[in-house]
PDB file of N, CA and C in Angstrom:
ATOM      1  N   MET A   1      19.601  -5.171  35.930  1.00  0.00           N
ATOM      2  CA  MET A   1      20.939  -4.724  35.567  1.00  0.00           C
ATOM      3  C   MET A   1      21.027  -4.467  34.067  1.00  0.00           C
ATOM      4  N   ALA A   2      21.822  -3.501  33.725  1.00  0.00           N
ATOM      5  CA  ALA A   2      22.009  -3.164  32.320  1.00  0.00           C
ATOM      6  C   ALA A   2      22.880  -4.211  31.636  1.00  0.00           C
ATOM      7  N   LYS A   3      22.655  -4.356  30.351  1.00  0.00           N
ATOM      8  CA  LYS A   3      23.470  -5.308  29.592  1.00  0.00           C
ATOM      9  C   LYS A   3      24.858  -4.751  29.352  1.00  0.00           C
ATOM     10  N   LYS A   4      25.823  -5.623  29.302  1.00  0.00           N
ATOM     11  CA  LYS A   4      27.186  -5.206  28.997  1.00  0.00           C
ATOM     12  C   LYS A   4      27.526  -5.604  27.573  1.00  0.00           C
ATOM     13  N   GLY A   5      28.472  -4.901  26.964  1.00  0.00           N
ATOM     14  CA  GLY A   5      28.940  -5.297  25.641  1.00  0.00           C
ATOM     15  C   GLY A   5      28.277  -4.505  24.534  1.00  0.00           C
ATOM     16  N   LYS A   6      28.407  -5.044  23.324  1.00  0.00           N
ATOM     17  CA  LYS A   6      27.947  -4.367  22.114  1.00  0.00           C
ATOM     18  C   LYS A   6      26.421  -4.380  22.023  1.00  0.00           C
ATOM     19  N   GLU A   7      25.862  -3.269  21.522  1.00  0.00           N
ATOM     20  CA  GLU A   7      24.427  -3.224  21.276  1.00  0.00           C
ATOM     21  C   GLU A   7      24.113  -4.168  20.134  1.00  0.00           C
ATOM     22  N   LYS A   8      23.035  -4.922  20.288  1.00  0.00           N
ATOM     23  CA  LYS A   8      22.814  -6.017  19.356  1.00  0.00           C
ATOM     24  C   LYS A   8      22.223  -5.590  18.023  1.00  0.00           C
ATOM     25  N   ASN A   9      21.028  -5.070  18.043  1.00  0.00           N
ATOM     26  CA  ASN A   9      20.233  -5.044  16.821  1.00  0.00           C
ATOM     27  C   ASN A   9      20.105  -3.653  16.203  1.00  0.00           C
ATOM     28  N   THR A  10      20.952  -2.715  16.560  1.00  0.00           N
ATOM     29  CA  THR A  10      20.712  -1.335  16.145  1.00  0.00           C
ATOM     30  C   THR A  10      20.991  -1.101  14.675  1.00  0.00           C
ATOM     31  N   GLN A  11      22.031  -1.677  14.114  1.00  0.00           N
ATOM     32  CA  GLN A  11      22.351  -1.415  12.716  1.00  0.00           C
ATOM     33  C   GLN A  11      21.304  -2.016  11.791  1.00  0.00           C
ATOM     34  N   ASN A  12      20.861  -3.210  12.122  1.00  0.00           N
ATOM     35  CA  ASN A  12      19.842  -3.848  11.300  1.00  0.00           C
ATOM     36  C   ASN A  12      18.569  -3.013  11.281  1.00  0.00           C
ATOM     37  N   LYS A  13      18.189  -2.498  12.455  1.00  0.00           N
ATOM     38  CA  LYS A  13      16.991  -1.670  12.541  1.00  0.00           C
ATOM     39  C   LYS A  13      17.158  -0.398  11.723  1.00  0.00           C
ATOM     40  N   ALA A  14      18.351   0.197  11.774  1.00  0.00           N
ATOM     41  CA  ALA A  14      18.601   1.428  11.029  1.00  0.00           C
ATOM     42  C   ALA A  14      18.488   1.177   9.528  1.00  0.00           C
ATOM     43  N   LYS A  15      19.050   0.060   9.060  1.00  0.00           N
ATOM     44  CA  LYS A  15      18.951  -0.280   7.634  1.00  0.00           C
ATOM     45  C   LYS A  15      17.508  -0.509   7.238  1.00  0.00           C
ATOM     46  N   HIS A  16      16.782  -1.223   8.088  1.00  0.00           N
ATOM     47  CA  HIS A  16      15.385  -1.524   7.797  1.00  0.00           C
ATOM     48  C   HIS A  16      14.565  -0.247   7.709  1.00  0.00           C
ATOM     49  N   THR A  17      14.790   0.660   8.662  1.00  0.00           N
ATOM     50  CA  THR A  17      14.080   1.933   8.668  1.00  0.00           C
ATOM     51  C   THR A  17      14.384   2.723   7.405  1.00  0.00           C
ATOM     52  N   LYS A  18      15.660   2.730   7.012  1.00  0.00           N
ATOM     53  CA  LYS A  18      16.061   3.445   5.797  1.00  0.00           C
ATOM     54  C   LYS A  18      15.331   2.883   4.579  1.00  0.00           C
ATOM     55  N   LEU A  19      15.288   1.562   4.476  1.00  0.00           N
ATOM     56  CA  LEU A  19      14.625   0.932   3.335  1.00  0.00           C
ATOM     57  C   LEU A  19      13.123   1.217   3.330  1.00  0.00           C
ATOM     58  N   ILE A  20      12.514   1.129   4.499  1.00  0.00           N
ATOM     59  CA  ILE A  20      11.074   1.389   4.592  1.00  0.00           C
ATOM     60  C   ILE A  20      10.770   2.831   4.206  1.00  0.00           C
ATOM     61  N   ASN A  21      11.598   3.779   4.682  1.00  0.00           N
ATOM     62  CA  ASN A  21      11.399   5.180   4.324  1.00  0.00           C
ATOM     63  C   ASN A  21      11.547   5.399   2.834  1.00  0.00           C
ATOM     64  N   ARG A  22      12.539   4.724   2.229  1.00  0.00           N
ATOM     65  CA  ARG A  22      12.745   4.842   0.792  1.00  0.00           C
ATOM     66  C   ARG A  22      11.500   4.351   0.042  1.00  0.00           C
ATOM     67  N   LYS A  23      10.954   3.234   0.507  1.00  0.00           N
ATOM     68  CA  LYS A  23       9.765   2.663  -0.120  1.00  0.00           C
ATOM     69  C   LYS A  23       8.570   3.614   0.012  1.00  0.00           C
ATOM     70  N   LYS A  24       8.391   4.189   1.210  1.00  0.00           N
ATOM     71  CA  LYS A  24       7.275   5.112   1.428  1.00  0.00           C
ATOM     72  C   LYS A  24       7.400   6.338   0.539  1.00  0.00           C
ATOM     73  N   ASN A  25       8.640   6.880   0.421  1.00  0.00           N
ATOM     74  CA  ASN A  25       8.856   8.047  -0.435  1.00  0.00           C
ATOM     75  C   ASN A  25       8.538   7.725  -1.881  1.00  0.00           C
ATOM     76  N   LYS A  26       8.948   6.547  -2.334  1.00  0.00           N
ATOM     77  CA  LYS A  26       8.687   6.130  -3.709  1.00  0.00           C
ATOM     78  C   LYS A  26       7.187   6.060  -3.958  1.00  0.00           C
ATOM     79  N   LEU A  27       6.454   5.441  -3.045  1.00  0.00           N
ATOM     80  CA  LEU A  27       5.009   5.320  -3.205  1.00  0.00           C
ATOM     81  C   LEU A  27       4.343   6.692  -3.199  1.00  0.00           C
ATOM     82  N   ARG A  28       4.827   7.591  -2.326  1.00  0.00           N
ATOM     83  CA  ARG A  28       4.263   8.930  -2.243  1.00  0.00           C
ATOM     84  C   ARG A  28       4.474   9.687  -3.554  1.00  0.00           C
ATOM     85  N   LYS A  29       5.692   9.583  -4.114  1.00  0.00           N
ATOM     86  CA  LYS A  29       5.986  10.264  -5.377  1.00  0.00           C
ATOM     87  C   LYS A  29       5.154   9.697  -6.519  1.00  0.00           C
ATOM     88  N   GLU A  30       5.005   8.381  -6.554  1.00  0.00           N
ATOM     89  CA  GLU A  30       4.192   7.768  -7.598  1.00  0.00           C
ATOM     90  C   GLU A  30       2.739   8.224  -7.491  1.00  0.00           C
ATOM     91  N   LYS A  31       2.240   8.323  -6.275  1.00  0.00           N
ATOM     92  CA  LYS A  31       0.864   8.768  -6.069  1.00  0.00           C
ATOM     93  C   LYS A  31       0.691  10.202  -6.552  1.00  0.00           C
ATOM     94  N   GLU A  32       1.657  11.074  -6.233  1.00  0.00           N
ATOM     95  CA  GLU A  32       1.587  12.469  -6.680  1.00  0.00           C
ATOM     96  C   GLU A  32       1.654  12.561  -8.195  1.00  0.00           C
ATOM     97  N   ALA A  33       2.544  11.761  -8.812  1.00  0.00           N
ATOM     98  CA  ALA A  33       2.672  11.778 -10.269  1.00  0.00           C
ATOM     99  C   ALA A  33       1.375  11.326 -10.923  1.00  0.00           C
ATOM    100  N   ARG A  34       0.754  10.295 -10.359  1.00  0.00           N
ATOM    101  CA  ARG A  34      -0.517   9.799 -10.884  1.00  0.00           C
ATOM    102  C   ARG A  34      -1.581  10.884 -10.817  1.00  0.00           C
ATOM    103  N   ALA A  35      -1.619  11.599  -9.688  1.00  0.00           N
ATOM    104  CA  ALA A  35      -2.600  12.667  -9.512  1.00  0.00           C
ATOM    105  C   ALA A  35      -2.366  13.784 -10.529  1.00  0.00           C
ATOM    106  N   GLU A  36      -1.098  14.125 -10.772  1.00  0.00           N
ATOM    107  CA  GLU A  36      -0.780  15.169 -11.751  1.00  0.00           C
ATOM    108  C   GLU A  36      -1.233  14.761 -13.150  1.00  0.00           C
ATOM    109  N   ARG A  37      -0.950  13.517 -13.525  1.00  0.00           N
ATOM    110  CA  ARG A  37      -1.373  13.032 -14.843  1.00  0.00           C
ATOM    111  C   ARG A  37      -2.893  13.065 -14.973  1.00  0.00           C
ATOM    112  N   LEU A  38      -3.580  12.664 -13.909  1.00  0.00           N
ATOM    113  CA  LEU A  38      -5.033  12.661 -13.923  1.00  0.00           C
ATOM    114  C   LEU A  38      -5.576  14.075 -14.089  1.00  0.00           C
ATOM    115  N   LYS A  39      -4.982  15.031 -13.362  1.00  0.00           N
ATOM    116  CA  LYS A  39      -5.409  16.420 -13.486  1.00  0.00           C
ATOM    117  C   LYS A  39      -5.215  16.921 -14.909  1.00  0.00           C
ATOM    118  N   ALA A  40      -4.072  16.565 -15.517  1.00  0.00           N
ATOM    119  CA  ALA A  40      -3.795  16.998 -16.888  1.00  0.00           C
ATOM    120  C   ALA A  40      -4.821  16.423 -17.860  1.00  0.00           C
ATOM    121  N   ILE A  41      -5.154  15.152 -17.674  1.00  0.00           N
ATOM    122  CA  ILE A  41      -6.140  14.508 -18.542  1.00  0.00           C
ATOM    123  C   ILE A  41      -7.506  15.168 -18.389  1.00  0.00           C
ATOM    124  N   ILE A  42      -7.903  15.436 -17.157  1.00  0.00           N
ATOM    125  CA  ILE A  42      -9.199  16.071 -16.898  1.00  0.00           C
ATOM    126  C   ILE A  42      -9.232  17.463 -17.502  1.00  0.00           C
ATOM    127  N   LYS A  43      -8.151  18.211 -17.330  1.00  0.00           N
ATOM    128  CA  LYS A  43      -8.080  19.564 -17.878  1.00  0.00           C
ATOM    129  C   LYS A  43      -8.199  19.537 -19.396  1.00  0.00           C
ATOM    130  N   LYS A  44      -7.495  18.604 -20.028  1.00  0.00           N
ATOM    131  CA  LYS A  44      -7.547  18.472 -21.481  1.00  0.00           C
ATOM    132  C   LYS A  44      -8.951  18.106 -21.952  1.00  0.00           C
ATOM    133  N   ALA A  45      -9.605  17.214 -21.218  1.00  0.00           N
ATOM    134  CA  ALA A  45     -10.949  16.797 -21.583  1.00  0.00           C
ATOM    135  C   ALA A  45     -11.929  17.966 -21.445  1.00  0.00           C
ATOM    136  N   ASN A  46     -11.755  18.785 -20.418  1.00  0.00           N
ATOM    137  CA  ASN A  46     -12.639  19.919 -20.220  1.00  0.00           C
ATOM    138  C   ASN A  46     -12.430  20.982 -21.285  1.00  0.00           C
ATOM    139  N   GLU A  47     -11.193  21.121 -21.775  1.00  0.00           N
ATOM    140  CA  GLU A  47     -10.936  22.106 -22.822  1.00  0.00           C
ATOM    141  C   GLU A  47     -11.570  21.695 -24.137  1.00  0.00           C
ATOM    142  N   GLN A  48     -11.685  20.407 -24.381  1.00  0.00           N
ATOM    143  CA  GLN A  48     -12.247  19.935 -25.650  1.00  0.00           C
ATOM    144  C   GLN A  48     -13.759  20.101 -25.700  1.00  0.00           C
ATOM    145  N   LYS A  49     -14.406  20.239 -24.553  1.00  0.00           N
ATOM    146  CA  LYS A  49     -15.878  20.392 -24.522  1.00  0.00           C
ATOM    147  C   LYS A  49     -16.328  21.695 -25.109  1.00  0.00           C
TER     148      LYS A  49
END
């Protein structure tokens, strides 16, 4: 039989998912920024040769 009444854990899960997604996006952006800085450093080093 189906449960009656209010759904229990949906809002908490939604908040958790939102926070996890925010964290993943932050890490992804930091990784991209690091890669860009590294490329710039490598390019500068190659120009000095």
